[in-house]
Amino acid sequence: MKCLNEINEAIVRAARLQLKTPTFKPQKGLLLNAQALQDVPEIIRDAIGTPPIEEIAAQCLSYHARILPALSNYFGTELTYTIGFTGSGKTL
């Protein structure tokens, strides 16, 4: 529930800053189960191949954008990346 509260706070903050946010609809249940943890590396390989780690690091956002549709398709739901997590439980 903590994560959901943080996301809702981020949406309110974005609105206050007049930033556009995607529609957010939380899903019940867990997406990452034992089978998904086995399948996801293959899904990512199928989406981007096996580029050198330096290339992935240099083009991180591009690679994340390229794997998002494949992961959304696998999980059967629209996925959204979030940014701004500080590790302290607070978003920027």
N, C-alpha and C. Protein backbone atom coordinates (compact mmCIF):
# COMPACT_ATOMS: atom_id res chain seq x y z
N MET A 1 0.81 -1.20 0.00
CA MET A 1 0.00 0.00 0.00
C MET A 1 0.86 1.26 0.00
N LYS A 2 2.05 1.17 0.60
CA LYS A 2 2.93 2.33 0.64
C LYS A 2 3.25 2.84 -0.76
N CYS A 3 3.54 1.90 -1.67
CA CYS A 3 3.86 2.28 -3.04
C CYS A 3 2.68 3.00 -3.69
N LEU A 4 1.48 2.49 -3.51
CA LEU A 4 0.29 3.12 -4.07
C LEU A 4 0.10 4.53 -3.52
N ASN A 5 0.33 4.71 -2.22
CA ASN A 5 0.24 6.05 -1.63
C ASN A 5 1.25 6.99 -2.25
N GLU A 6 2.48 6.50 -2.46
CA GLU A 6 3.52 7.34 -3.06
C GLU A 6 3.17 7.72 -4.49
N ILE A 7 2.60 6.79 -5.24
CA ILE A 7 2.21 7.09 -6.62
C ILE A 7 1.09 8.13 -6.62
N ASN A 8 0.10 7.96 -5.75
CA ASN A 8 -0.99 8.94 -5.67
C ASN A 8 -0.47 10.31 -5.27
N GLU A 9 0.47 10.37 -4.34
CA GLU A 9 1.08 11.65 -3.96
C GLU A 9 1.81 12.27 -5.15
N ALA A 10 2.49 11.45 -5.92
CA ALA A 10 3.21 11.95 -7.10
C ALA A 10 2.25 12.50 -8.13
N ILE A 11 1.10 11.86 -8.31
CA ILE A 11 0.10 12.35 -9.26
C ILE A 11 -0.44 13.70 -8.82
N VAL A 12 -0.72 13.83 -7.53
CA VAL A 12 -1.20 15.11 -6.99
C VAL A 12 -0.13 16.19 -7.18
N ARG A 13 1.12 15.85 -6.88
CA ARG A 13 2.22 16.80 -7.04
C ARG A 13 2.38 17.23 -8.50
N ALA A 14 2.28 16.26 -9.42
CA ALA A 14 2.39 16.58 -10.84
C ALA A 14 1.27 17.52 -11.27
N ALA A 15 0.06 17.27 -10.81
CA ALA A 15 -1.06 18.15 -11.14
C ALA A 15 -0.83 19.56 -10.61
N ARG A 16 -0.29 19.64 -9.38
CA ARG A 16 0.00 20.95 -8.80
C ARG A 16 1.02 21.70 -9.64
N LEU A 17 1.97 20.97 -10.21
CA LEU A 17 3.00 21.58 -11.05
C LEU A 17 2.56 21.72 -12.50
N GLN A 18 1.30 21.40 -12.76
CA GLN A 18 0.69 21.47 -14.09
C GLN A 18 1.40 20.58 -15.09
N LEU A 19 1.80 19.38 -14.64
CA LEU A 19 2.42 18.40 -15.51
C LEU A 19 1.39 17.37 -15.91
N LYS A 20 1.50 16.89 -17.11
CA LYS A 20 0.57 15.88 -17.60
C LYS A 20 1.05 14.50 -17.13
N THR A 21 0.13 13.71 -16.63
CA THR A 21 0.46 12.35 -16.20
C THR A 21 -0.46 11.36 -16.91
N PRO A 22 0.02 10.15 -17.09
CA PRO A 22 -0.87 9.14 -17.68
C PRO A 22 -1.96 8.76 -16.69
N THR A 23 -3.03 8.23 -17.20
CA THR A 23 -4.08 7.71 -16.33
C THR A 23 -3.52 6.51 -15.60
N PHE A 24 -3.72 6.47 -14.31
CA PHE A 24 -3.18 5.38 -13.51
C PHE A 24 -4.31 4.56 -12.94
N LYS A 25 -4.27 3.27 -13.21
CA LYS A 25 -5.29 2.36 -12.70
C LYS A 25 -4.56 1.19 -12.04
N PRO A 26 -4.53 1.15 -10.72
CA PRO A 26 -3.82 0.06 -10.04
C PRO A 26 -4.47 -1.29 -10.32
N GLN A 27 -3.64 -2.31 -10.38
CA GLN A 27 -4.10 -3.69 -10.59
C GLN A 27 -3.98 -4.45 -9.29
N LYS A 28 -4.90 -5.34 -9.04
CA LYS A 28 -4.80 -6.19 -7.85
C LYS A 28 -3.89 -7.37 -8.16
N GLY A 29 -3.19 -7.83 -7.15
CA GLY A 29 -2.35 -9.01 -7.31
C GLY A 29 -0.92 -8.65 -7.69
N LEU A 30 -0.12 -9.68 -7.78
CA LEU A 30 1.29 -9.51 -8.12
C LEU A 30 1.53 -9.86 -9.58
N LEU A 31 2.36 -9.07 -10.24
CA LEU A 31 2.75 -9.39 -11.60
C LEU A 31 3.97 -10.30 -11.63
N LEU A 32 4.88 -10.08 -10.70
CA LEU A 32 6.12 -10.85 -10.69
C LEU A 32 5.97 -12.10 -9.85
N ASN A 33 5.78 -13.21 -10.52
CA ASN A 33 5.76 -14.50 -9.84
C ASN A 33 6.94 -15.32 -10.35
N ALA A 34 7.08 -16.54 -9.90
CA ALA A 34 8.23 -17.36 -10.28
C ALA A 34 8.32 -17.54 -11.79
N GLN A 35 7.18 -17.76 -12.45
CA GLN A 35 7.19 -17.95 -13.90
C GLN A 35 7.62 -16.68 -14.62
N ALA A 36 7.10 -15.54 -14.19
CA ALA A 36 7.47 -14.27 -14.81
C ALA A 36 8.96 -14.00 -14.66
N LEU A 37 9.50 -14.30 -13.49
CA LEU A 37 10.94 -14.09 -13.28
C LEU A 37 11.77 -14.94 -14.22
N GLN A 38 11.27 -16.08 -14.63
CA GLN A 38 11.97 -16.91 -15.62
C GLN A 38 11.76 -16.38 -17.03
N ASP A 39 10.58 -15.87 -17.33
CA ASP A 39 10.23 -15.45 -18.69
C ASP A 39 10.76 -14.07 -19.07
N VAL A 40 10.82 -13.15 -18.12
CA VAL A 40 11.15 -11.76 -18.43
C VAL A 40 12.52 -11.59 -19.10
N PRO A 41 13.59 -12.25 -18.66
CA PRO A 41 14.86 -12.07 -19.37
C PRO A 41 14.77 -12.44 -20.86
N GLU A 42 14.03 -13.49 -21.18
CA GLU A 42 13.87 -13.88 -22.58
C GLU A 42 13.06 -12.84 -23.35
N ILE A 43 12.04 -12.31 -22.72
CA ILE A 43 11.22 -11.27 -23.36
C ILE A 43 12.08 -10.05 -23.66
N ILE A 44 12.92 -9.68 -22.72
CA ILE A 44 13.80 -8.53 -22.92
C ILE A 44 14.80 -8.81 -24.04
N ARG A 45 15.38 -10.01 -24.05
CA ARG A 45 16.32 -10.38 -25.12
C ARG A 45 15.64 -10.33 -26.48
N ASP A 46 14.40 -10.82 -26.55
CA ASP A 46 13.67 -10.77 -27.82
C ASP A 46 13.42 -9.33 -28.27
N ALA A 47 13.22 -8.43 -27.32
CA ALA A 47 12.91 -7.04 -27.66
C ALA A 47 14.14 -6.23 -28.06
N ILE A 48 15.28 -6.50 -27.40
CA ILE A 48 16.46 -5.65 -27.66
C ILE A 48 17.71 -6.41 -28.09
N GLY A 49 17.63 -7.72 -28.11
CA GLY A 49 18.82 -8.49 -28.45
C GLY A 49 19.74 -8.58 -27.24
N THR A 50 21.03 -8.67 -27.53
CA THR A 50 22.03 -8.77 -26.45
C THR A 50 23.13 -7.73 -26.67
N PRO A 51 22.77 -6.45 -26.59
CA PRO A 51 23.77 -5.40 -26.79
C PRO A 51 24.75 -5.36 -25.62
N PRO A 52 25.94 -4.79 -25.85
CA PRO A 52 26.90 -4.65 -24.75
C PRO A 52 26.32 -3.76 -23.64
N ILE A 53 26.69 -4.07 -22.41
CA ILE A 53 26.17 -3.33 -21.25
C ILE A 53 26.47 -1.84 -21.36
N GLU A 54 27.61 -1.48 -21.96
CA GLU A 54 27.96 -0.05 -22.12
C GLU A 54 26.95 0.65 -23.02
N GLU A 55 26.48 -0.06 -24.03
CA GLU A 55 25.48 0.54 -24.93
C GLU A 55 24.15 0.72 -24.21
N ILE A 56 23.77 -0.28 -23.43
CA ILE A 56 22.52 -0.16 -22.67
C ILE A 56 22.61 1.01 -21.69
N ALA A 57 23.74 1.13 -21.00
CA ALA A 57 23.92 2.22 -20.03
C ALA A 57 23.85 3.58 -20.72
N ALA A 58 24.41 3.67 -21.91
CA ALA A 58 24.45 4.95 -22.63
C ALA A 58 23.08 5.31 -23.20
N GLN A 59 22.23 4.32 -23.44
CA GLN A 59 20.93 4.56 -24.05
C GLN A 59 19.80 3.98 -23.19
N CYS A 60 19.93 4.13 -21.90
CA CYS A 60 19.03 3.51 -20.94
C CYS A 60 17.55 3.79 -21.24
N LEU A 61 17.20 5.04 -21.42
CA LEU A 61 15.79 5.38 -21.65
C LEU A 61 15.27 4.80 -22.95
N SER A 62 16.12 4.79 -23.97
CA SER A 62 15.72 4.21 -25.25
C SER A 62 15.42 2.72 -25.11
N TYR A 63 16.29 2.02 -24.40
CA TYR A 63 16.07 0.58 -24.20
C TYR A 63 14.83 0.32 -23.36
N HIS A 64 14.62 1.12 -22.33
CA HIS A 64 13.41 0.93 -21.51
C HIS A 64 12.15 1.16 -22.36
N ALA A 65 12.18 2.15 -23.23
CA ALA A 65 11.03 2.41 -24.10
C ALA A 65 10.80 1.25 -25.05
N ARG A 66 11.87 0.61 -25.51
CA ARG A 66 11.73 -0.50 -26.45
C ARG A 66 11.20 -1.77 -25.79
N ILE A 67 11.48 -1.98 -24.51
CA ILE A 67 11.00 -3.21 -23.88
C ILE A 67 9.61 -3.05 -23.26
N LEU A 68 9.16 -1.82 -23.06
CA LEU A 68 7.86 -1.60 -22.40
C LEU A 68 6.69 -2.29 -23.13
N PRO A 69 6.57 -2.16 -24.46
CA PRO A 69 5.43 -2.83 -25.12
C PRO A 69 5.47 -4.35 -24.96
N ALA A 70 6.66 -4.93 -25.02
CA ALA A 70 6.77 -6.40 -24.88
C ALA A 70 6.38 -6.83 -23.47
N LEU A 71 6.79 -6.08 -22.46
CA LEU A 71 6.43 -6.43 -21.09
C LEU A 71 4.94 -6.21 -20.84
N SER A 72 4.39 -5.12 -21.36
CA SER A 72 2.95 -4.87 -21.23
C SER A 72 2.15 -6.00 -21.86
N ASN A 73 2.60 -6.44 -23.02
CA ASN A 73 1.93 -7.55 -23.71
C ASN A 73 2.02 -8.83 -22.89
N TYR A 74 3.18 -9.12 -22.35
CA TYR A 74 3.37 -10.34 -21.55
C TYR A 74 2.45 -10.34 -20.33
N PHE A 75 2.41 -9.22 -19.62
CA PHE A 75 1.62 -9.16 -18.40
C PHE A 75 0.13 -8.90 -18.66
N GLY A 76 -0.21 -8.54 -19.90
CA GLY A 76 -1.61 -8.33 -20.25
C GLY A 76 -2.20 -7.08 -19.65
N THR A 77 -1.37 -6.10 -19.40
CA THR A 77 -1.84 -4.83 -18.85
C THR A 77 -0.87 -3.73 -19.25
N GLU A 78 -1.35 -2.51 -19.31
CA GLU A 78 -0.48 -1.39 -19.63
C GLU A 78 0.43 -1.11 -18.44
N LEU A 79 1.72 -1.09 -18.70
CA LEU A 79 2.69 -0.78 -17.66
C LEU A 79 3.14 0.67 -17.81
N THR A 80 3.52 1.28 -16.71
CA THR A 80 4.01 2.66 -16.70
C THR A 80 5.28 2.73 -15.90
N TYR A 81 6.29 3.33 -16.46
CA TYR A 81 7.52 3.57 -15.70
C TYR A 81 7.33 4.79 -14.82
N THR A 82 7.94 4.79 -13.68
CA THR A 82 7.94 5.97 -12.81
C THR A 82 9.38 6.39 -12.58
N ILE A 83 9.59 7.66 -12.35
CA ILE A 83 10.92 8.18 -12.07
C ILE A 83 10.85 9.07 -10.83
N GLY A 84 11.99 9.30 -10.21
CA GLY A 84 12.04 10.23 -9.11
C GLY A 84 12.15 9.60 -7.76
N PHE A 85 12.23 8.29 -7.65
CA PHE A 85 12.34 7.63 -6.36
C PHE A 85 13.74 7.87 -5.81
N THR A 86 13.83 8.33 -4.57
CA THR A 86 15.11 8.67 -3.99
C THR A 86 15.74 7.53 -3.19
N GLY A 87 14.99 6.47 -2.97
CA GLY A 87 15.49 5.37 -2.15
C GLY A 87 15.17 5.56 -0.67
N SER A 88 14.77 6.75 -0.30
CA SER A 88 14.45 7.04 1.09
C SER A 88 12.95 6.94 1.35
N GLY A 89 12.23 6.50 0.34
CA GLY A 89 10.78 6.42 0.48
C GLY A 89 10.08 7.72 0.09
N LYS A 90 10.84 8.66 -0.42
CA LYS A 90 10.26 9.94 -0.85
C LYS A 90 10.56 10.14 -2.33
N THR A 91 9.59 10.72 -3.04
CA THR A 91 9.78 11.02 -4.43
C THR A 91 10.18 12.47 -4.57
N LEU A 92 10.84 12.75 -5.66
CA LEU A 92 11.28 14.14 -5.89
C LEU A 92 10.14 15.00 -6.36
